[in-house]
Structures are given as C-alpha cells and as structure tokens.
Amino acid sequence: MVVMLISSRALRSLALVLLVAAALSVGFWYLGVWAVGQTFQESGLDGLSSLLEAAVGGSLANRSGHLQPSQGMRDQGVIAFYRRHPDKLKEDRAYFRTWVAALAVGNSALEYNGMVHWQDSEAFDRISSAERHDAWGHLFCVMANKGIAIVVSPGPDALSSLRCDELRISKAELESLPHARLNKHPSGALILVLTTSNQTDR
C-alpha cells in the first residue's frame, strides 16, 4: 500500500514537472516566434520565405562563383544585413526567382533536346507564363542539344528582352561556367547551364 502510494505521488510529481516543462517550452516557442515576427515587421520583411529566397538568390548570383553568403552578410548576419539593405533584399529575391524560372525553362528544353539555334522562351507552353520570364519581365533565350541546355536572361539592367537570333556567346565562355546556377556575364546577362545530370524533377 505504501509502495503504491509513493508510486502514485511520484507519478503525480513527474506529471506536474512534465506539464510545467511543456508550458515553458510552448511559452519560449511563442516568445521566439513573436521576436522573429517583430524583427520582420521592423525590417520591412514580409516573412521567412522572403529572407530565404534572398539569401539563396544572392549566393546563386555571387560574382565570385562560390555558393556562399557575401562578406557583409557573414559579418552582420542575414536578418541584420537585409534590414540595413532593403534594396539588396529585393535584388537578391529577384535573382532567386529568375533562377527558379530559368531552371523550369532549362528542364523543358532538355525534354526537346534538339534546339541547336537560340529561341525565346515564349514558345515553351508546357510551363507557366510566369516561368517563361525572368524576375524583371524579360523572356529567356534558350538552346538545348546533346543533353546540355543554356538559358540566358538579359539581367536586371536590361530594358527589354534579348534578340535571341542575335545572341553570341562563345563555346569557351560556356565551358568555364558552373552548372545549375546563375552566372553573370560581363554584358550584364545571366546565364544558366543545365545538363541532364543536374536536371531537376518537376
């Protein structure tokens, strides 16, 4: 009887401890979410997805060719960096969205895999209209042959889409570019090289 009583008291104590721990955990979780939400509101960010898109986009379009955050972002932290540089947030999100759209165009082009001449992405009716344009409203130029697709955006400073039939990019330039990411050409264009080995599933 005594053993059962002690066990019962021990169970009640354990249950109380677990309840208190759960309540504290929930409280700290809500506090953390509230703090992050306040940071987003104060910084003008519209959510975690915006921050992630910007961080990935900035890395994908890094001029150094390395998939890593900029020095300023490493020094200040991602949230603090974009809070101080809202224009950079907008720019890097645009790079991310352009990369996603270019991947969609590249994947579609690889399915045809016989496009030996440049053509614009307007003809790619198997993907959405939004995916046929970069983040600045330009059509892509695309070519695909022998398991390699090349997708070109005019870039953020272009006033209009490229004339694909006039596009000239040397084979040597293309061979030196990393695959499956945005590469900044000296002209300001953005180039994505995609092969069947790094083709993404849709």
C-alpha atoms as a PDB file:
ATOM      1  CA  MET A   1       0.000   0.000   0.000  1.00  0.00           C
ATOM      2  CA  VAL A   2       2.839   2.338   0.955  1.00  0.00           C
ATOM      3  CA  VAL A   3       4.706   1.419  -2.238  1.00  0.00           C
ATOM      4  CA  MET A   4       1.620   2.151  -4.322  1.00  0.00           C
ATOM      5  CA  LEU A   5       1.148   5.485  -2.515  1.00  0.00           C
ATOM      6  CA  ILE A   6       4.737   6.521  -3.128  1.00  0.00           C
ATOM      7  CA  SER A   7       4.479   5.479  -6.739  1.00  0.00           C
ATOM      8  CA  SER A   8       1.297   7.465  -7.141  1.00  0.00           C
ATOM      9  CA  ARG A   9       2.874  10.557  -5.615  1.00  0.00           C
ATOM     10  CA  ALA A  10       5.955  10.116  -7.772  1.00  0.00           C
ATOM     11  CA  LEU A  11       3.814   9.844 -10.882  1.00  0.00           C
ATOM     12  CA  ARG A  12       1.874  12.965  -9.936  1.00  0.00           C
ATOM     13  CA  SER A  13       5.128  14.845  -9.335  1.00  0.00           C
ATOM     14  CA  LEU A  14       6.535  13.645 -12.632  1.00  0.00           C
ATOM     15  CA  ALA A  15       3.353  14.633 -14.455  1.00  0.00           C
ATOM     16  CA  LEU A  16       3.497  18.087 -12.830  1.00  0.00           C
ATOM     17  CA  VAL A  17       7.119  18.539 -13.868  1.00  0.00           C
ATOM     18  CA  LEU A  18       6.321  17.488 -17.441  1.00  0.00           C
ATOM     19  CA  LEU A  19       3.370  19.880 -17.589  1.00  0.00           C
ATOM     20  CA  VAL A  20       5.484  22.776 -16.323  1.00  0.00           C
ATOM     21  CA  ALA A  21       8.251  21.906 -18.818  1.00  0.00           C
ATOM     22  CA  ALA A  22       5.727  21.705 -21.661  1.00  0.00           C
ATOM     23  CA  ALA A  23       4.190  25.040 -20.652  1.00  0.00           C
ATOM     24  CA  LEU A  24       7.625  26.680 -20.537  1.00  0.00           C
ATOM     25  CA  SER A  25       8.565  25.171 -23.901  1.00  0.00           C
ATOM     26  CA  VAL A  26       5.384  26.471 -25.507  1.00  0.00           C
ATOM     27  CA  GLY A  27       5.937  29.847 -23.901  1.00  0.00           C
ATOM     28  CA  PHE A  28       9.502  30.109 -25.143  1.00  0.00           C
ATOM     29  CA  TRP A  29       8.399  28.937 -28.605  1.00  0.00           C
ATOM     30  CA  TYR A  30       5.734  31.649 -28.819  1.00  0.00           C
ATOM     31  CA  LEU A  31       8.209  34.201 -27.495  1.00  0.00           C
ATOM     32  CA  GLY A  32      10.712  33.184 -30.154  1.00  0.00           C
ATOM     33  CA  VAL A  33       8.125  33.328 -32.928  1.00  0.00           C
ATOM     34  CA  TRP A  34       6.936  36.714 -31.678  1.00  0.00           C
ATOM     35  CA  ALA A  35      10.505  38.048 -31.572  1.00  0.00           C
ATOM     36  CA  VAL A  36      11.230  36.878 -35.127  1.00  0.00           C
ATOM     37  CA  GLY A  37       7.908  38.310 -36.302  1.00  0.00           C
ATOM     38  CA  GLN A  38       8.732  41.661 -34.713  1.00  0.00           C
ATOM     39  CA  THR A  39      12.113  41.640 -36.427  1.00  0.00           C
ATOM     40  CA  PHE A  40      10.488  41.022 -39.801  1.00  0.00           C
ATOM     41  CA  GLN A  41       7.935  43.784 -39.230  1.00  0.00           C
ATOM     42  CA  GLU A  42      10.551  46.291 -38.116  1.00  0.00           C
ATOM     43  CA  SER A  43      12.844  45.450 -41.010  1.00  0.00           C
ATOM     44  CA  GLY A  44      10.113  45.531 -43.646  1.00  0.00           C
ATOM     45  CA  LEU A  45      10.485  41.836 -44.483  1.00  0.00           C
ATOM     46  CA  ASP A  46       7.244  40.056 -45.308  1.00  0.00           C
ATOM     47  CA  GLY A  47       8.222  36.666 -43.921  1.00  0.00           C
ATOM     48  CA  LEU A  48      10.807  33.972 -43.554  1.00  0.00           C
ATOM     49  CA  SER A  49      10.378  32.834 -47.157  1.00  0.00           C
ATOM     50  CA  SER A  50      11.480  36.277 -48.376  1.00  0.00           C
ATOM     51  CA  LEU A  51      14.624  36.044 -46.313  1.00  0.00           C
ATOM     52  CA  LEU A  52      15.435  32.546 -47.545  1.00  0.00           C
ATOM     53  CA  GLU A  53      14.764  33.462 -51.185  1.00  0.00           C
ATOM     54  CA  ALA A  54      17.042  36.492 -50.905  1.00  0.00           C
ATOM     55  CA  ALA A  55      19.863  34.606 -49.180  1.00  0.00           C
ATOM     56  CA  VAL A  56      19.789  31.792 -51.759  1.00  0.00           C
ATOM     57  CA  GLY A  57      19.402  34.200 -54.679  1.00  0.00           C
ATOM     58  CA  GLY A  58      22.330  36.319 -53.542  1.00  0.00           C
ATOM     59  CA  SER A  59      24.501  33.235 -53.217  1.00  0.00           C
ATOM     60  CA  LEU A  60      23.460  31.845 -56.607  1.00  0.00           C
ATOM     61  CA  ALA A  61      24.374  35.104 -58.328  1.00  0.00           C
ATOM     62  CA  ASN A  62      27.602  35.677 -56.377  1.00  0.00           C
ATOM     63  CA  ARG A  63      30.213  37.104 -58.718  1.00  0.00           C
ATOM     64  CA  SER A  64      32.973  35.134 -57.004  1.00  0.00           C
ATOM     65  CA  GLY A  65      31.480  31.901 -58.315  1.00  0.00           C
ATOM     66  CA  HIS A  66      31.234  30.419 -54.814  1.00  0.00           C
ATOM     67  CA  LEU A  67      27.940  29.351 -53.265  1.00  0.00           C
ATOM     68  CA  GLN A  68      28.348  31.316 -50.054  1.00  0.00           C
ATOM     69  CA  PRO A  69      26.914  34.445 -48.396  1.00  0.00           C
ATOM     70  CA  SER A  70      28.550  37.790 -49.068  1.00  0.00           C
ATOM     71  CA  GLN A  71      31.137  39.129 -46.628  1.00  0.00           C
ATOM     72  CA  GLY A  72      28.691  41.727 -45.355  1.00  0.00           C
ATOM     73  CA  MET A  73      26.086  39.068 -44.666  1.00  0.00           C
ATOM     74  CA  ARG A  74      28.607  36.905 -42.818  1.00  0.00           C
ATOM     75  CA  ASP A  75      29.713  39.864 -40.707  1.00  0.00           C
ATOM     76  CA  GLN A  76      26.247  41.183 -39.836  1.00  0.00           C
ATOM     77  CA  GLY A  77      24.010  38.128 -40.022  1.00  0.00           C
ATOM     78  CA  VAL A  78      21.304  37.601 -42.643  1.00  0.00           C
ATOM     79  CA  ILE A  79      18.422  39.410 -40.907  1.00  0.00           C
ATOM     80  CA  ALA A  80      20.550  42.374 -39.850  1.00  0.00           C
ATOM     81  CA  PHE A  81      22.124  42.636 -43.308  1.00  0.00           C
ATOM     82  CA  TYR A  82      18.814  42.743 -45.173  1.00  0.00           C
ATOM     83  CA  ARG A  83      17.306  45.041 -42.576  1.00  0.00           C
ATOM     84  CA  ARG A  84      20.078  47.545 -43.329  1.00  0.00           C
ATOM     85  CA  HIS A  85      19.936  46.913 -47.088  1.00  0.00           C
ATOM     86  CA  PRO A  86      16.278  46.523 -48.207  1.00  0.00           C
ATOM     87  CA  ASP A  87      17.248  47.216 -51.828  1.00  0.00           C
ATOM     88  CA  LYS A  88      19.644  44.271 -51.682  1.00  0.00           C
ATOM     89  CA  LEU A  89      16.818  42.094 -50.347  1.00  0.00           C
ATOM     90  CA  LYS A  90      14.688  42.976 -53.374  1.00  0.00           C
ATOM     91  CA  GLU A  91      17.587  42.403 -55.762  1.00  0.00           C
ATOM     92  CA  ASP A  92      18.544  39.022 -54.330  1.00  0.00           C
ATOM     93  CA  ARG A  93      14.934  37.787 -54.291  1.00  0.00           C
ATOM     94  CA  ALA A  94      14.746  38.693 -57.974  1.00  0.00           C
ATOM     95  CA  TYR A  95      17.847  36.594 -58.648  1.00  0.00           C
ATOM     96  CA  PHE A  96      16.249  33.654 -56.842  1.00  0.00           C
ATOM     97  CA  ARG A  97      13.017  33.915 -58.841  1.00  0.00           C
ATOM     98  CA  THR A  98      14.953  34.252 -62.081  1.00  0.00           C
ATOM     99  CA  TRP A  99      16.947  31.134 -61.201  1.00  0.00           C
ATOM    100  CA  VAL A 100      13.763  29.143 -60.489  1.00  0.00           C
ATOM    101  CA  ALA A 101      12.220  30.253 -63.788  1.00  0.00           C
ATOM    102  CA  ALA A 102      15.433  29.537 -65.708  1.00  0.00           C
ATOM    103  CA  LEU A 103      15.503  26.023 -64.247  1.00  0.00           C
ATOM    104  CA  ALA A 104      11.944  25.450 -65.439  1.00  0.00           C
ATOM    105  CA  VAL A 105      12.857  26.625 -68.952  1.00  0.00           C
ATOM    106  CA  GLY A 106      16.067  24.560 -68.939  1.00  0.00           C
ATOM    107  CA  ASN A 107      14.270  21.413 -67.821  1.00  0.00           C
ATOM    108  CA  SER A 108      11.652  21.866 -70.519  1.00  0.00           C
ATOM    109  CA  ALA A 109      14.342  22.477 -73.149  1.00  0.00           C
ATOM    110  CA  LEU A 110      16.153  19.281 -72.172  1.00  0.00           C
ATOM    111  CA  GLU A 111      12.983  17.339 -72.907  1.00  0.00           C
ATOM    112  CA  TYR A 112      13.127  18.583 -76.508  1.00  0.00           C
ATOM    113  CA  ASN A 113      16.944  18.328 -76.635  1.00  0.00           C
ATOM    114  CA  GLY A 114      17.282  19.254 -80.284  1.00  0.00           C
ATOM    115  CA  MET A 115      17.292  23.050 -80.226  1.00  0.00           C
ATOM    116  CA  VAL A 116      20.522  23.906 -81.997  1.00  0.00           C
ATOM    117  CA  HIS A 117      19.549  27.568 -82.517  1.00  0.00           C
ATOM    118  CA  TRP A 118      18.642  30.183 -79.928  1.00  0.00           C
ATOM    119  CA  GLN A 119      14.954  30.781 -79.412  1.00  0.00           C
ATOM    120  CA  ASP A 120      12.973  32.717 -76.836  1.00  0.00           C
ATOM    121  CA  SER A 121      11.044  31.081 -74.030  1.00  0.00           C
ATOM    122  CA  GLU A 122       7.631  32.299 -75.201  1.00  0.00           C
ATOM    123  CA  ALA A 123       7.204  29.046 -77.150  1.00  0.00           C
ATOM    124  CA  PHE A 124       7.530  26.899 -74.029  1.00  0.00           C
ATOM    125  CA  ASP A 125       3.831  26.415 -73.446  1.00  0.00           C
ATOM    126  CA  ARG A 126       4.391  23.363 -71.226  1.00  0.00           C
ATOM    127  CA  ILE A 127       5.384  25.689 -68.385  1.00  0.00           C
ATOM    128  CA  SER A 128       3.503  28.659 -66.949  1.00  0.00           C
ATOM    129  CA  SER A 129       3.787  32.125 -68.432  1.00  0.00           C
ATOM    130  CA  ALA A 130       5.448  33.373 -65.238  1.00  0.00           C
ATOM    131  CA  GLU A 131       8.192  30.746 -65.588  1.00  0.00           C
ATOM    132  CA  ARG A 132       8.922  31.856 -69.137  1.00  0.00           C
ATOM    133  CA  HIS A 133      10.042  35.278 -67.852  1.00  0.00           C
ATOM    134  CA  ASP A 134      12.779  36.386 -65.513  1.00  0.00           C
ATOM    135  CA  ALA A 135      12.008  38.468 -62.431  1.00  0.00           C
ATOM    136  CA  TRP A 136      12.226  41.680 -64.468  1.00  0.00           C
ATOM    137  CA  GLY A 137       9.671  40.589 -67.065  1.00  0.00           C
ATOM    138  CA  HIS A 138      12.104  39.556 -69.829  1.00  0.00           C
ATOM    139  CA  LEU A 139      11.842  36.407 -71.903  1.00  0.00           C
ATOM    140  CA  PHE A 140      14.763  33.999 -71.773  1.00  0.00           C
ATOM    141  CA  CYS A 141      16.851  32.875 -74.720  1.00  0.00           C
ATOM    142  CA  VAL A 142      17.409  29.140 -74.701  1.00  0.00           C
ATOM    143  CA  MET A 143      19.281  26.459 -76.597  1.00  0.00           C
ATOM    144  CA  ALA A 144      19.477  22.726 -75.854  1.00  0.00           C
ATOM    145  CA  ASN A 145      21.394  19.950 -77.557  1.00  0.00           C
ATOM    146  CA  LYS A 146      23.257  16.756 -76.593  1.00  0.00           C
ATOM    147  CA  GLY A 147      21.995  16.841 -73.020  1.00  0.00           C
ATOM    148  CA  ILE A 148      23.012  20.444 -72.310  1.00  0.00           C
ATOM    149  CA  ALA A 149      20.618  23.392 -72.010  1.00  0.00           C
ATOM    150  CA  ILE A 150      21.727  27.027 -71.898  1.00  0.00           C
ATOM    151  CA  VAL A 151      19.269  29.622 -70.613  1.00  0.00           C
ATOM    152  CA  VAL A 152      20.046  33.344 -70.806  1.00  0.00           C
ATOM    153  CA  SER A 153      18.297  36.240 -69.076  1.00  0.00           C
ATOM    154  CA  PRO A 154      19.130  39.809 -70.139  1.00  0.00           C
ATOM    155  CA  GLY A 155      19.659  40.625 -66.465  1.00  0.00           C
ATOM    156  CA  PRO A 156      18.258  43.302 -64.147  1.00  0.00           C
ATOM    157  CA  ASP A 157      19.562  46.314 -66.067  1.00  0.00           C
ATOM    158  CA  ALA A 158      18.159  45.358 -69.484  1.00  0.00           C
ATOM    159  CA  LEU A 159      15.341  47.496 -70.871  1.00  0.00           C
ATOM    160  CA  SER A 160      13.836  44.669 -72.917  1.00  0.00           C
ATOM    161  CA  SER A 161      14.207  41.012 -73.821  1.00  0.00           C
ATOM    162  CA  LEU A 162      17.177  39.921 -75.892  1.00  0.00           C
ATOM    163  CA  ARG A 163      17.026  39.329 -79.632  1.00  0.00           C
ATOM    164  CA  CYS A 164      17.797  35.643 -79.421  1.00  0.00           C
ATOM    165  CA  ASP A 165      18.766  35.331 -83.084  1.00  0.00           C
ATOM    166  CA  GLU A 166      21.498  37.914 -82.448  1.00  0.00           C
ATOM    167  CA  LEU A 167      22.852  36.320 -79.262  1.00  0.00           C
ATOM    168  CA  ARG A 168      26.542  35.456 -79.373  1.00  0.00           C
ATOM    169  CA  ILE A 169      28.217  33.565 -76.528  1.00  0.00           C
ATOM    170  CA  SER A 170      31.408  31.679 -77.262  1.00  0.00           C
ATOM    171  CA  LYS A 171      31.835  27.983 -76.536  1.00  0.00           C
ATOM    172  CA  ALA A 172      34.880  28.779 -74.408  1.00  0.00           C
ATOM    173  CA  GLU A 173      32.798  31.084 -72.198  1.00  0.00           C
ATOM    174  CA  LEU A 174      30.111  28.459 -71.703  1.00  0.00           C
ATOM    175  CA  GLU A 175      32.567  25.668 -70.889  1.00  0.00           C
ATOM    176  CA  SER A 176      34.004  27.659 -67.984  1.00  0.00           C
ATOM    177  CA  LEU A 177      30.647  28.316 -66.292  1.00  0.00           C
ATOM    178  CA  PRO A 178      29.461  26.399 -63.209  1.00  0.00           C
ATOM    179  CA  HIS A 179      26.290  24.404 -63.847  1.00  0.00           C
ATOM    180  CA  ALA A 180      22.811  24.837 -62.352  1.00  0.00           C
ATOM    181  CA  ARG A 181      23.342  28.374 -61.074  1.00  0.00           C
ATOM    182  CA  LEU A 182      23.173  31.931 -62.375  1.00  0.00           C
ATOM    183  CA  ASN A 183      26.402  33.170 -63.918  1.00  0.00           C
ATOM    184  CA  LYS A 184      26.889  36.874 -64.514  1.00  0.00           C
ATOM    185  CA  HIS A 185      28.223  37.694 -67.954  1.00  0.00           C
ATOM    186  CA  PRO A 186      30.266  40.916 -68.429  1.00  0.00           C
ATOM    187  CA  SER A 187      27.385  42.240 -70.549  1.00  0.00           C
ATOM    188  CA  GLY A 188      25.053  42.018 -67.534  1.00  0.00           C
ATOM    189  CA  ALA A 189      23.235  38.933 -68.785  1.00  0.00           C
ATOM    190  CA  LEU A 190      22.629  35.959 -66.509  1.00  0.00           C
ATOM    191  CA  ILE A 191      23.453  32.505 -67.869  1.00  0.00           C
ATOM    192  CA  LEU A 192      22.325  29.149 -66.540  1.00  0.00           C
ATOM    193  CA  VAL A 193      23.872  25.930 -67.864  1.00  0.00           C
ATOM    194  CA  LEU A 194      21.875  22.798 -67.130  1.00  0.00           C
ATOM    195  CA  THR A 195      22.702  19.219 -68.058  1.00  0.00           C
ATOM    196  CA  THR A 196      20.738  16.007 -67.748  1.00  0.00           C
ATOM    197  CA  SER A 197      22.966  15.068 -64.798  1.00  0.00           C
ATOM    198  CA  ASN A 198      21.797  18.074 -62.769  1.00  0.00           C
ATOM    199  CA  GLN A 199      18.292  18.312 -64.222  1.00  0.00           C
ATOM    200  CA  THR A 200      15.668  18.954 -61.556  1.00  0.00           C
ATOM    201  CA  ASP A 201      12.456  16.961 -61.210  1.00  0.00           C
ATOM    202  CA  ARG A 202       9.259  18.878 -61.789  1.00  0.00           C
END
